[in-house]
Protein backbone atom coordinates (compact mmCIF):
# COMPACT_ATOMS: atom_id res chain seq x y z
CA MET A 1 -91.78 -82.15 -55.62
CA PRO A 2 -88.06 -82.22 -54.66
CA LYS A 3 -85.94 -85.04 -55.95
CA PRO A 4 -85.05 -87.66 -53.30
CA PHE A 5 -81.33 -86.84 -53.49
CA LEU A 6 -81.95 -83.15 -52.92
CA GLU A 7 -84.22 -83.90 -49.98
CA GLU A 8 -81.55 -86.17 -48.47
CA LYS A 9 -78.97 -83.41 -48.88
CA ARG A 10 -81.34 -80.88 -47.29
CA GLN A 11 -81.92 -83.18 -44.33
CA GLU A 12 -78.18 -83.73 -43.93
CA TRP A 13 -77.52 -79.97 -43.80
CA LYS A 14 -80.45 -79.50 -41.45
CA ARG A 15 -78.81 -82.00 -39.07
CA TYR A 16 -75.53 -80.08 -39.28
CA VAL A 17 -77.26 -76.79 -38.47
CA GLU A 18 -79.14 -78.38 -35.57
CA GLN A 19 -75.90 -79.88 -34.24
CA TRP A 20 -74.21 -76.47 -34.43
CA GLU A 21 -77.09 -74.83 -32.57
CA ALA A 22 -76.88 -77.48 -29.84
CA ALA A 23 -73.08 -77.32 -29.63
CA ASP A 24 -70.90 -75.38 -27.22
CA GLN A 25 -71.00 -71.87 -28.67
CA LYS A 26 -67.58 -70.99 -27.23
CA ILE A 27 -65.80 -72.12 -30.39
CA SER A 28 -66.22 -70.29 -33.68
CA MET A 29 -68.50 -71.63 -36.37
CA ALA A 30 -65.53 -71.88 -38.74
CA ARG A 31 -63.58 -73.99 -36.26
CA TRP A 32 -66.64 -76.17 -35.56
CA CYS A 33 -66.99 -76.83 -39.30
CA LYS A 34 -63.28 -77.51 -39.72
CA GLU A 35 -63.26 -80.04 -36.87
CA ARG A 36 -66.07 -81.93 -38.60
CA ASN A 37 -64.70 -81.56 -42.14
CA ILE A 38 -67.75 -79.50 -43.16
CA ASN A 39 -67.41 -76.84 -45.84
CA TYR A 40 -67.79 -73.56 -43.94
CA ASN A 41 -69.26 -71.54 -46.83
CA ALA A 42 -71.78 -74.27 -47.62
CA PHE A 43 -72.70 -74.39 -43.94
CA LEU A 44 -73.35 -70.63 -43.89
CA TYR A 45 -75.48 -70.96 -47.03
CA TRP A 46 -77.65 -73.72 -45.58
CA LYS A 47 -77.88 -72.08 -42.16
CA GLU A 48 -79.23 -68.93 -43.81
CA ARG A 49 -81.63 -70.93 -45.98
CA PHE A 50 -83.14 -72.61 -42.94
CA ARG A 51 -83.36 -69.29 -41.09
CA SER A 52 -85.02 -67.61 -44.08
CA GLY A 53 -87.43 -70.50 -44.44
CA ASP A 54 -88.49 -70.11 -40.83
CA MET A 55 -89.19 -66.44 -41.39
CA ARG A 56 -91.53 -67.20 -44.27
CA LYS A 57 -93.67 -69.57 -42.23
CA VAL A 58 -96.07 -67.49 -40.20
CA ASP A 59 -99.17 -68.96 -38.67
CA ARG A 60 -101.66 -67.82 -36.08
CA SER A 61 -99.49 -69.12 -33.23
CA SER A 62 -96.90 -66.46 -34.14
CA PHE A 63 -99.35 -63.74 -33.18
CA ARG A 64 -100.76 -62.78 -29.83
CA GLU A 65 -103.85 -60.77 -29.06
CA LEU A 66 -103.24 -57.33 -27.63
CA THR A 67 -105.60 -55.77 -25.18
CA HIS A 68 -107.47 -52.77 -26.50
CA SER A 69 -106.56 -49.47 -24.96
CA ALA A 70 -109.14 -46.69 -24.84
CA THR A 71 -106.42 -44.16 -25.75
CA THR A 72 -105.53 -45.77 -29.08
CA THR A 73 -107.46 -45.93 -32.31
CA GLY A 74 -106.72 -48.23 -35.19
CA ILE A 75 -105.03 -51.59 -34.82
CA THR A 76 -101.67 -53.02 -33.80
CA LEU A 77 -100.08 -56.01 -35.53
CA GLU A 78 -97.36 -57.91 -33.69
CA CYS A 79 -95.43 -60.95 -34.86
CA ASN A 80 -92.09 -62.34 -33.67
CA GLN A 81 -91.23 -59.21 -31.67
CA ILE A 82 -92.12 -56.88 -34.56
CA ARG A 83 -94.95 -54.44 -33.89
CA ILE A 84 -96.78 -52.34 -36.47
CA GLN A 85 -99.28 -49.80 -35.18
CA LEU A 86 -101.85 -48.56 -37.66
CA ALA A 87 -103.87 -45.44 -37.02
CA GLU A 88 -107.54 -45.47 -37.89
CA ASN A 89 -106.79 -43.68 -41.17
CA PHE A 90 -103.52 -45.49 -42.02
CA ASP A 91 -101.88 -45.28 -45.44
CA ALA A 92 -102.27 -48.65 -47.18
CA ALA A 93 -99.21 -48.03 -49.41
CA THR A 94 -97.00 -47.54 -46.35
CA LEU A 95 -98.31 -50.76 -44.81
CA ARG A 96 -97.63 -52.67 -48.04
CA ARG A 97 -94.06 -51.29 -48.10
CA CYS A 98 -93.48 -52.30 -44.45
CA LEU A 99 -94.77 -55.80 -45.11
CA GLN A 100 -92.60 -56.11 -48.25
CA ILE A 101 -89.51 -55.12 -46.27
CA LEU A 102 -90.32 -57.67 -43.57
CA LYS A 103 -90.96 -60.34 -46.20
CA GLU A 104 -87.56 -59.70 -47.77
CA GLY A 105 -85.91 -60.08 -44.38
CA VAL A 106 -84.22 -56.69 -44.51
CA CYS A 107 -84.99 -55.99 -40.86
């Protein structure tokens, strides 16, 4: 369980990131941080942490059912605009590698 201070700090940075996302995107992120006396490098760190955290949370609502086409065999997985098509005799090792790459956020 996170310590209360760390959770407060996380919530503070989450507010900063949300404010940036809602702000006028015509000014640079560095300038936005400077105008608010926010450490730019720390902001980038937290912004990436929140983005990465969102990528790790996948639930059923992230997926949509695809209609079956008579011309295809196997299955198709699609999540957050990423589509993986698996033939009926797909290679499990290749699928594991694809999933590992997606998990690491390389794409």
